[in-house]
Amino acid sequence: MQALFIGQTYIDVTFITDHMPTGDEKHVASAYAVSFGGNAVTAAFCCAKLGIVPDLVATVANDWLGRMFQDMSAKYGISIHPRKVNASSLSFIMPKDGKRAIVRCRDDEHIHPFPMLNLKGCRALHVDGHQPDAALHYAKLCREDGILTSLDGGGLRTNTHELLEFIDIAIVAERLCEQMDLTPEKMLDYLKSRGCRVGGVTLGEKGLLWYDETGAVRQLAALPIPRARVLDTNGAGDVFHGAYIYSYLANPGKGWQDHFEFARAASTYKIQKLGNEAGLPTLADIEGIKQEFAVGA
C-alpha cells in the first residue's frame, strides 16, 4: 500500500442540455458521460492514472452499479476495500456556464464496520469526511505513524472539527466557509488553530488561498483558460486533491507550492472534459498545460 483513500462511491451521470423538461415533456441531451464519482474516490482514480495506485476504502453495493464500479476500479488496478451498503449511490450532473447543478441519490447506511487494514508502506492518507468513523480511525493511526494525512473539506461533516486535529494538509471548499460562516481568511486561521500545517480554500476561478508550513498566506491564481473551453467543472477539485497527493508521493523533496501548481494544471485539464474519467490527466497532459500557460517559466 502506497496510499489510502477513504470516501463515498457514486456513479456519475453527467449530461449537457440546453433545456430541462418538465411534466410529460421529453428532451434529448447534446452529450453525456457515465463515470465513477465521489470526492476521495475520484481523487484516488486520478492518483492511479498519474502512476501511483492507491488502496481505496469505498462504499460498494451488491447491485449492477456496484459491479460496474468494481470493473472501473479493476481497470485502474485500484484495490477496493469495500464497505457494504444496500444500494449504489448516483449523481446526476448538469454542467452549464462554468457551474454545475447536481442531484444526488445516496445510500450511506453502512451495513458493516469499516475494514481494518495493514498500513505497512503507506505514505499518505486522503479522506473527504464521508465514512466519518473510518476517516477518524485512520487519520489517528497515520498521525501516530508519521504518515501524511490530507482532507478534502468539501462540506461540513459530523466530525469535521475533531478530524482536523489529525490532518496535515487541509484543502477546503468555499462551501465549508459558508456553512461555518467564515471568510476564506478566517477559515485559514481556523485550520491553523486545529493544527493543520498546510491549509487552503479553493475559490474556483479565483484560484487557491493557502498557507504554508511557516504560516505565511499565499495566493495561487487559477490559470487563465478561456471560458469557451470550460466544459465541466464537476470533479475539478477532486482531481486537484488526487494530483497533489500523487505529486507529494512522486516528488517528496518538492514543496507544497510545486505540488499545488502541479494539481492546478491537472484540474485545468479536467474542466475541459465531460465526466470524471475523461478528465483524468496523464503526466504528459499536465506538462502540456504547464507549457501552454508558461507555468514556472
Protein backbone atom coordinates (compact mmCIF):
# COMPACT_ATOMS: atom_id res chain seq x y z
CA MET A 1 0.00 0.00 0.00
CA GLN A 2 1.45 3.34 -1.10
CA ALA A 3 -1.54 5.49 -0.19
CA LEU A 4 -5.01 5.03 1.26
CA PHE A 5 -8.11 6.96 0.18
CA ILE A 6 -11.45 6.77 2.03
CA GLY A 7 -14.76 8.01 0.63
CA GLN A 8 -18.31 7.53 -0.63
CA THR A 9 -18.76 5.93 -4.04
CA TYR A 10 -21.03 7.41 -6.68
CA ILE A 11 -21.79 6.59 -10.26
CA ASP A 12 -21.92 9.96 -12.02
CA VAL A 13 -24.20 10.61 -14.98
CA THR A 14 -23.13 13.93 -16.49
CA PHE A 15 -25.11 15.47 -19.32
CA ILE A 16 -25.25 18.71 -21.27
CA THR A 17 -28.60 20.11 -22.28
CA ASP A 18 -29.98 23.49 -23.21
CA HIS A 19 -33.38 22.67 -21.71
CA MET A 20 -34.71 20.77 -18.70
CA PRO A 21 -38.06 19.13 -19.44
CA THR A 22 -40.97 19.29 -17.00
CA GLY A 23 -44.23 17.42 -16.72
CA ASP A 24 -44.64 14.92 -19.57
CA GLU A 25 -42.10 16.65 -21.77
CA LYS A 26 -39.03 14.90 -23.21
CA HIS A 27 -35.74 16.32 -24.39
CA VAL A 28 -32.50 14.85 -25.80
CA ALA A 29 -29.17 15.88 -24.23
CA SER A 30 -26.43 17.02 -26.58
CA ALA A 31 -23.71 15.00 -24.79
CA TYR A 32 -23.33 12.72 -21.77
CA ALA A 33 -20.78 10.70 -19.80
CA VAL A 34 -21.05 7.93 -17.21
CA SER A 35 -18.19 7.55 -14.75
CA PHE A 36 -17.11 6.83 -11.18
CA GLY A 37 -17.81 9.67 -8.78
CA GLY A 38 -17.34 10.82 -5.21
CA ASN A 39 -14.70 13.17 -3.82
CA ALA A 40 -11.99 10.86 -2.47
CA VAL A 41 -12.95 8.15 -4.96
CA THR A 42 -12.31 10.40 -7.96
CA ALA A 43 -9.10 11.64 -6.32
CA ALA A 44 -7.94 8.02 -5.98
CA PHE A 45 -8.58 7.33 -9.67
CA CYS A 46 -6.64 10.50 -10.56
CA CYS A 47 -3.66 9.40 -8.47
CA ALA A 48 -3.78 5.97 -10.13
CA LYS A 49 -3.97 7.45 -13.65
CA LEU A 50 -0.87 9.53 -12.91
CA GLY A 51 1.09 6.42 -11.96
CA ILE A 52 0.78 5.72 -8.22
CA VAL A 53 -2.09 3.34 -7.50
CA PRO A 54 -3.66 3.77 -4.05
CA ASP A 55 -5.89 1.50 -2.00
CA LEU A 56 -9.46 2.67 -1.57
CA VAL A 57 -11.97 2.13 1.23
CA ALA A 58 -15.25 2.79 -0.56
CA THR A 59 -18.94 2.02 -0.27
CA VAL A 60 -19.99 -0.85 -2.55
CA ALA A 61 -23.42 -2.38 -3.08
CA ASN A 62 -24.22 -5.81 -4.47
CA ASP A 63 -26.06 -4.46 -7.48
CA TRP A 64 -25.22 -3.87 -11.13
CA LEU A 65 -23.91 -0.35 -10.47
CA GLY A 66 -21.68 -1.72 -7.71
CA ARG A 67 -20.30 -4.29 -10.12
CA MET A 68 -19.77 -1.56 -12.69
CA PHE A 69 -17.75 0.39 -10.13
CA GLN A 70 -15.62 -2.64 -9.31
CA ASP A 71 -14.95 -3.13 -13.02
CA MET A 72 -13.84 0.52 -13.25
CA SER A 73 -11.51 0.03 -10.28
CA ALA A 74 -10.00 -3.12 -11.77
CA LYS A 75 -9.24 -1.22 -14.98
CA TYR A 76 -7.01 1.14 -12.98
CA GLY A 77 -5.57 -1.56 -10.71
CA ILE A 78 -7.07 0.01 -7.59
CA SER A 79 -7.54 -2.35 -4.65
CA ILE A 80 -11.02 -1.77 -3.26
CA HIS A 81 -11.69 -2.49 0.41
CA PRO A 82 -15.48 -2.47 0.22
CA ARG A 83 -17.84 -1.22 2.88
CA LYS A 84 -21.20 -2.70 2.07
CA VAL A 85 -24.34 -0.65 1.53
CA ASN A 86 -27.72 -1.80 0.20
CA ALA A 87 -27.82 0.36 -2.92
CA SER A 88 -25.29 2.17 -5.07
CA SER A 89 -25.31 5.96 -4.98
CA LEU A 90 -25.91 8.07 -8.08
CA SER A 91 -25.20 11.67 -9.06
CA PHE A 92 -26.94 13.39 -11.96
CA ILE A 93 -24.83 16.38 -13.01
CA MET A 94 -25.71 19.15 -15.43
CA PRO A 95 -22.78 21.48 -16.22
CA LYS A 96 -23.57 24.91 -17.63
CA ASP A 97 -21.64 28.19 -17.90
CA GLY A 98 -18.87 27.12 -15.52
CA LYS A 99 -21.34 25.95 -12.86
CA ARG A 100 -22.95 22.57 -12.24
CA ALA A 101 -26.31 21.53 -10.91
CA ILE A 102 -26.30 18.17 -9.11
CA VAL A 103 -28.98 15.77 -7.89
CA ARG A 104 -27.62 13.03 -5.61
CA CYS A 105 -29.23 9.72 -4.69
CA ARG A 106 -27.19 8.42 -1.77
CA ASP A 107 -27.12 5.36 0.45
CA ASP A 108 -24.56 5.88 3.22
CA GLU A 109 -26.09 3.47 5.73
CA HIS A 110 -23.15 1.13 6.25
CA ILE A 111 -24.11 -2.48 6.88
CA HIS A 112 -20.74 -3.50 8.36
CA PRO A 113 -17.92 -1.75 10.26
CA PHE A 114 -15.11 -0.32 8.18
CA PRO A 115 -12.34 -2.78 7.22
CA MET A 116 -9.18 -2.99 9.33
CA LEU A 117 -6.12 -2.67 7.10
CA ASN A 118 -2.37 -3.11 7.40
CA LEU A 119 -0.80 0.31 6.68
CA LYS A 120 2.73 -1.00 6.18
CA GLY A 121 4.40 1.03 3.43
CA CYS A 122 1.62 3.62 3.30
CA ARG A 123 2.91 7.18 2.83
CA ALA A 124 -0.30 9.21 2.55
CA LEU A 125 -3.95 9.14 3.63
CA HIS A 126 -6.63 11.16 1.87
CA VAL A 127 -10.19 11.44 3.21
CA ASP A 128 -13.22 13.52 2.30
CA GLY A 129 -15.17 13.24 5.55
CA HIS A 130 -17.53 10.54 4.31
CA GLN A 131 -17.34 7.36 6.39
CA PRO A 132 -16.51 9.60 9.37
CA ASP A 133 -15.67 6.70 11.69
CA ALA A 134 -13.17 5.23 9.23
CA ALA A 135 -11.71 8.64 8.40
CA LEU A 136 -11.08 9.45 12.07
CA HIS A 137 -9.69 5.98 12.85
CA TYR A 138 -7.15 6.01 10.04
CA ALA A 139 -6.25 9.68 10.49
CA LYS A 140 -5.29 8.93 14.08
CA LEU A 141 -3.28 5.85 13.07
CA CYS A 142 -1.46 7.70 10.31
CA ARG A 143 -0.67 10.64 12.57
CA GLU A 144 0.88 8.23 15.09
CA ASP A 145 2.95 6.59 12.34
CA GLY A 146 4.10 9.84 10.72
CA ILE A 147 2.07 9.23 7.54
CA LEU A 148 0.84 12.36 5.73
CA THR A 149 -2.88 12.99 6.25
CA SER A 150 -4.93 15.02 3.79
CA LEU A 151 -8.54 16.25 3.90
CA ASP A 152 -10.86 17.36 1.13
CA GLY A 153 -13.16 19.61 3.13
CA GLY A 154 -15.94 19.92 0.59
CA GLY A 155 -18.59 20.38 3.25
CA LEU A 156 -19.26 20.21 6.98
CA ARG A 157 -19.44 16.64 8.30
CA THR A 158 -20.44 15.30 11.69
CA ASN A 159 -16.86 15.16 12.97
CA THR A 160 -15.02 17.72 10.83
CA HIS A 161 -13.78 19.65 13.87
CA GLU A 162 -12.47 16.53 15.59
CA LEU A 163 -10.97 15.09 12.40
CA LEU A 164 -8.97 18.23 11.62
CA GLU A 165 -6.86 17.67 14.75
CA PHE A 166 -5.23 14.76 12.90
CA ILE A 167 -4.93 16.35 9.44
CA ASP A 168 -1.66 17.68 8.00
CA ILE A 169 -2.96 19.11 4.70
CA ALA A 170 -6.50 20.52 4.73
CA ILE A 171 -7.80 21.97 1.47
CA VAL A 172 -11.43 23.02 1.81
CA ALA A 173 -14.09 24.47 -0.45
CA GLU A 174 -15.85 27.83 -0.24
CA ARG A 175 -18.97 25.86 0.68
CA LEU A 176 -17.41 24.91 4.03
CA CYS A 177 -16.63 28.58 4.68
CA GLU A 178 -20.29 29.43 4.04
CA GLN A 179 -21.53 26.60 6.27
CA MET A 180 -19.30 27.77 9.11
CA ASP A 181 -19.97 31.47 8.43
CA LEU A 182 -16.26 32.19 7.91
CA THR A 183 -14.45 34.22 5.29
CA PRO A 184 -11.68 32.35 3.44
CA GLU A 185 -9.11 34.27 5.51
CA LYS A 186 -10.85 33.31 8.77
CA MET A 187 -11.03 29.71 7.57
CA LEU A 188 -7.24 29.68 7.24
CA ASP A 189 -6.99 30.90 10.84
CA TYR A 190 -9.38 28.15 11.91
CA LEU A 191 -7.35 25.45 10.12
CA LYS A 192 -4.18 26.76 11.77
CA SER A 193 -5.91 26.61 15.17
CA ARG A 194 -6.71 22.92 14.57
CA GLY A 195 -3.04 22.17 13.93
CA CYS A 196 -3.12 21.69 10.13
CA ARG A 197 0.40 22.54 8.97
CA VAL A 198 -0.77 23.42 5.45
CA GLY A 199 -4.27 24.69 4.74
CA GLY A 200 -6.17 26.29 1.92
CA VAL A 201 -9.50 27.30 0.42
CA THR A 202 -10.29 26.59 -3.22
CA LEU A 203 -12.00 29.60 -4.82
CA GLY A 204 -12.88 28.30 -8.28
CA GLU A 205 -11.81 30.74 -10.97
CA LYS A 206 -10.13 32.85 -8.26
CA GLY A 207 -7.64 30.07 -7.53
CA LEU A 208 -6.38 28.88 -4.15
CA LEU A 209 -5.83 30.88 -0.97
CA TRP A 210 -3.47 28.89 1.26
CA TYR A 211 -0.77 29.00 3.90
CA ASP A 212 2.50 27.06 4.03
CA GLU A 213 4.35 25.37 6.89
CA THR A 214 5.58 28.74 8.18
CA GLY A 215 2.02 30.07 8.35
CA ALA A 216 2.61 32.55 5.51
CA VAL A 217 -0.55 33.12 3.46
CA ARG A 218 -0.21 32.77 -0.31
CA GLN A 219 -2.44 33.13 -3.35
CA LEU A 220 -2.22 30.65 -6.23
CA ALA A 221 -4.08 32.16 -9.15
CA ALA A 222 -6.18 29.99 -11.43
CA LEU A 223 -4.76 29.53 -14.91
CA PRO A 224 -6.38 31.94 -17.40
CA ILE A 225 -8.19 29.38 -19.51
CA PRO A 226 -10.72 30.85 -21.97
CA ARG A 227 -14.29 30.42 -20.74
CA ALA A 228 -15.27 28.83 -24.05
CA ARG A 229 -13.02 25.88 -23.21
CA VAL A 230 -14.60 25.26 -19.80
CA LEU A 231 -16.92 22.30 -20.33
CA ASP A 232 -17.42 20.58 -16.95
CA THR A 233 -16.10 21.89 -13.64
CA ASN A 234 -17.53 18.99 -11.64
CA GLY A 235 -14.72 16.83 -10.25
CA ALA A 236 -12.05 19.50 -10.76
CA GLY A 237 -11.47 19.77 -7.02
CA ASP A 238 -11.26 16.00 -6.67
CA VAL A 239 -8.66 15.85 -9.44
CA PHE A 240 -6.79 18.67 -7.67
CA HIS A 241 -6.60 16.59 -4.48
CA GLY A 242 -5.59 13.40 -6.24
CA ALA A 243 -2.90 15.23 -8.19
CA TYR A 244 -1.24 16.88 -5.19
CA ILE A 245 -1.20 13.56 -3.35
CA TYR A 246 0.50 11.99 -6.38
CA SER A 247 2.98 14.88 -6.58
CA TYR A 248 3.81 14.52 -2.88
CA LEU A 249 4.39 10.78 -3.27
CA ALA A 250 6.38 11.06 -6.52
CA ASN A 251 8.43 14.13 -5.55
CA PRO A 252 8.69 14.25 -1.75
CA GLY A 253 11.59 16.70 -1.91
CA LYS A 254 9.48 19.41 -3.52
CA GLY A 255 7.48 21.97 -1.58
CA TRP A 256 3.73 22.49 -1.46
CA GLN A 257 3.88 25.38 -3.91
CA ASP A 258 5.14 22.89 -6.51
CA HIS A 259 2.60 20.24 -5.52
CA PHE A 260 -0.27 22.72 -5.80
CA GLU A 261 0.96 24.09 -9.15
CA PHE A 262 1.02 20.51 -10.44
CA ALA A 263 -2.52 19.96 -9.12
CA ARG A 264 -3.72 23.25 -10.61
CA ALA A 265 -2.60 22.10 -14.06
CA ALA A 266 -4.40 18.77 -13.50
CA SER A 267 -7.68 20.45 -12.58
CA THR A 268 -7.33 22.84 -15.53
CA TYR A 269 -7.18 19.80 -17.78
CA LYS A 270 -10.25 18.29 -16.08
CA ILE A 271 -12.59 21.23 -16.64
CA GLN A 272 -12.14 20.89 -20.39
CA LYS A 273 -13.53 17.33 -20.42
CA LEU A 274 -17.01 15.92 -19.81
CA GLY A 275 -17.18 13.50 -16.91
CA ASN A 276 -14.63 12.39 -14.34
CA GLU A 277 -12.91 9.61 -16.25
CA ALA A 278 -12.37 11.65 -19.41
CA GLY A 279 -10.98 14.43 -17.22
CA LEU A 280 -8.23 12.38 -15.57
CA PRO A 281 -4.93 13.75 -16.90
CA THR A 282 -1.73 11.91 -17.72
CA LEU A 283 1.67 13.34 -16.79
CA ALA A 284 2.01 14.46 -20.41
CA ASP A 285 -1.34 16.26 -20.23
CA ILE A 286 -0.23 18.15 -17.12
CA GLU A 287 3.09 19.08 -18.72
CA GLY A 288 1.17 20.32 -21.76
CA ILE A 289 -1.00 22.58 -19.59
CA LYS A 290 2.08 23.95 -17.82
CA GLN A 291 3.78 24.71 -21.12
CA GLU A 292 0.67 26.32 -22.60
CA PHE A 293 0.35 28.71 -19.67
CA ALA A 294 4.12 29.06 -19.13
CA VAL A 295 3.97 27.82 -15.54
CA GLY A 296 7.40 28.11 -13.94
CA ALA A 297 8.83 29.96 -16.95
